Amino acid sequence: MSDVEIEYCVPCGHLNRATDTAEVLLSTFGADIDRVALVTGDGGVFQVRVDGETVFDKAEDEYDIDAITRSVRTAL
């Protein structure tokens, strides 16, 4: 079982994106994930980590929930 963290920028208004991502990951991988944690941040951050390893970073890629889901599947 794995832990997923979604760190999102509060001032940028990424809360909806973070909760949407959490919902998709839980509905897709619920049996394989111990928890999904939303972690507040700033500076434009939007990162998804599986067991501490970054699998998505908005600074490097465009937000694409399908691509994030594939990256999480690979990490699991």
C-alpha atoms as a PDB file:
ATOM      1  CA  MET A   1       0.000   0.000   0.000  1.00  0.00           C
ATOM      2  CA  SER A   2       1.187   3.512  -0.769  1.00  0.00           C
ATOM      3  CA  ASP A   3       0.729   7.091   0.377  1.00  0.00           C
ATOM      4  CA  VAL A   4      -0.086   9.846  -2.097  1.00  0.00           C
ATOM      5  CA  GLU A   5       0.477  13.532  -1.373  1.00  0.00           C
ATOM      6  CA  ILE A   6      -0.927  16.335  -3.466  1.00  0.00           C
ATOM      7  CA  GLU A   7       0.757  19.640  -2.679  1.00  0.00           C
ATOM      8  CA  TYR A   8      -1.104  22.625  -4.082  1.00  0.00           C
ATOM      9  CA  CYS A   9      -0.751  26.405  -4.049  1.00  0.00           C
ATOM     10  CA  VAL A  10      -3.415  27.992  -1.848  1.00  0.00           C
ATOM     11  CA  PRO A  11      -3.017  31.599  -3.122  1.00  0.00           C
ATOM     12  CA  CYS A  12      -3.199  30.345  -6.734  1.00  0.00           C
ATOM     13  CA  GLY A  13      -6.562  28.700  -6.123  1.00  0.00           C
ATOM     14  CA  HIS A  14      -5.460  25.139  -6.910  1.00  0.00           C
ATOM     15  CA  LEU A  15      -7.724  23.614  -4.239  1.00  0.00           C
ATOM     16  CA  ASN A  16     -10.344  22.464  -6.775  1.00  0.00           C
ATOM     17  CA  ARG A  17      -7.642  20.895  -8.947  1.00  0.00           C
ATOM     18  CA  ALA A  18      -6.191  19.130  -5.878  1.00  0.00           C
ATOM     19  CA  THR A  19      -9.548  17.757  -4.717  1.00  0.00           C
ATOM     20  CA  ASP A  20     -10.461  16.649  -8.252  1.00  0.00           C
ATOM     21  CA  THR A  21      -7.128  14.839  -8.526  1.00  0.00           C
ATOM     22  CA  ALA A  22      -7.604  13.188  -5.125  1.00  0.00           C
ATOM     23  CA  GLU A  23     -11.086  12.008  -6.100  1.00  0.00           C
ATOM     24  CA  VAL A  24      -9.877  10.468  -9.368  1.00  0.00           C
ATOM     25  CA  LEU A  25      -6.927   8.744  -7.682  1.00  0.00           C
ATOM     26  CA  LEU A  26      -9.077   7.355  -4.869  1.00  0.00           C
ATOM     27  CA  SER A  27     -11.750   6.075  -7.247  1.00  0.00           C
ATOM     28  CA  THR A  28      -9.117   4.528  -9.524  1.00  0.00           C
ATOM     29  CA  PHE A  29      -6.625   3.138  -6.991  1.00  0.00           C
ATOM     30  CA  GLY A  30      -8.588   3.040  -3.727  1.00  0.00           C
ATOM     31  CA  ALA A  31      -7.588  -0.531  -2.930  1.00  0.00           C
ATOM     32  CA  ASP A  32      -3.875   0.194  -3.517  1.00  0.00           C
ATOM     33  CA  ILE A  33      -3.578   3.478  -1.611  1.00  0.00           C
ATOM     34  CA  ASP A  34      -3.397   3.856   2.160  1.00  0.00           C
ATOM     35  CA  ARG A  35      -4.122   7.565   2.037  1.00  0.00           C
ATOM     36  CA  VAL A  36      -4.282  10.641  -0.126  1.00  0.00           C
ATOM     37  CA  ALA A  37      -3.135  13.785   1.676  1.00  0.00           C
ATOM     38  CA  LEU A  38      -3.707  17.339   0.540  1.00  0.00           C
ATOM     39  CA  VAL A  39      -0.721  19.485   1.506  1.00  0.00           C
ATOM     40  CA  THR A  40      -0.990  23.270   1.338  1.00  0.00           C
ATOM     41  CA  GLY A  41       1.755  25.257  -0.327  1.00  0.00           C
ATOM     42  CA  ASP A  42       2.438  28.465  -2.216  1.00  0.00           C
ATOM     43  CA  GLY A  43       4.601  29.768  -5.034  1.00  0.00           C
ATOM     44  CA  GLY A  44       2.467  28.148  -7.737  1.00  0.00           C
ATOM     45  CA  VAL A  45       3.218  24.606  -6.590  1.00  0.00           C
ATOM     46  CA  PHE A  46       1.141  21.653  -7.736  1.00  0.00           C
ATOM     47  CA  GLN A  47       2.915  18.346  -7.204  1.00  0.00           C
ATOM     48  CA  VAL A  48       1.793  14.762  -6.788  1.00  0.00           C
ATOM     49  CA  ARG A  49       4.047  12.391  -4.852  1.00  0.00           C
ATOM     50  CA  VAL A  50       3.769   8.651  -4.266  1.00  0.00           C
ATOM     51  CA  ASP A  51       5.681   7.447  -1.208  1.00  0.00           C
ATOM     52  CA  GLY A  52       7.760  10.643  -1.314  1.00  0.00           C
ATOM     53  CA  GLU A  53       8.687  10.376  -5.003  1.00  0.00           C
ATOM     54  CA  THR A  54       7.411  13.182  -7.241  1.00  0.00           C
ATOM     55  CA  VAL A  55       5.396  11.725 -10.129  1.00  0.00           C
ATOM     56  CA  PHE A  56       3.918  15.016 -11.354  1.00  0.00           C
ATOM     57  CA  ASP A  57       5.106  18.624 -11.099  1.00  0.00           C
ATOM     58  CA  LYS A  58       3.183  21.478 -12.711  1.00  0.00           C
ATOM     59  CA  ALA A  59       6.494  23.298 -13.160  1.00  0.00           C
ATOM     60  CA  GLU A  60       7.549  20.592 -15.635  1.00  0.00           C
ATOM     61  CA  ASP A  61       4.277  19.438 -17.252  1.00  0.00           C
ATOM     62  CA  GLU A  62       0.825  20.762 -18.075  1.00  0.00           C
ATOM     63  CA  TYR A  63      -1.936  19.630 -15.736  1.00  0.00           C
ATOM     64  CA  ASP A  64      -3.495  16.518 -17.274  1.00  0.00           C
ATOM     65  CA  ILE A  65      -5.415  14.228 -14.934  1.00  0.00           C
ATOM     66  CA  ASP A  66      -5.008  11.264 -17.288  1.00  0.00           C
ATOM     67  CA  ALA A  67      -1.221  11.714 -17.373  1.00  0.00           C
ATOM     68  CA  ILE A  68      -1.145  12.063 -13.581  1.00  0.00           C
ATOM     69  CA  THR A  69      -3.192   8.872 -13.216  1.00  0.00           C
ATOM     70  CA  ARG A  70      -0.776   7.004 -15.503  1.00  0.00           C
ATOM     71  CA  SER A  71       2.213   8.298 -13.517  1.00  0.00           C
ATOM     72  CA  VAL A  72       0.650   7.207 -10.235  1.00  0.00           C
ATOM     73  CA  ARG A  73      -0.176   3.766 -11.712  1.00  0.00           C
ATOM     74  CA  THR A  74       3.491   3.354 -12.722  1.00  0.00           C
ATOM     75  CA  ALA A  75       4.672   4.365  -9.239  1.00  0.00           C
ATOM     76  CA  LEU A  76       2.302   1.957  -7.527  1.00  0.00           C
END
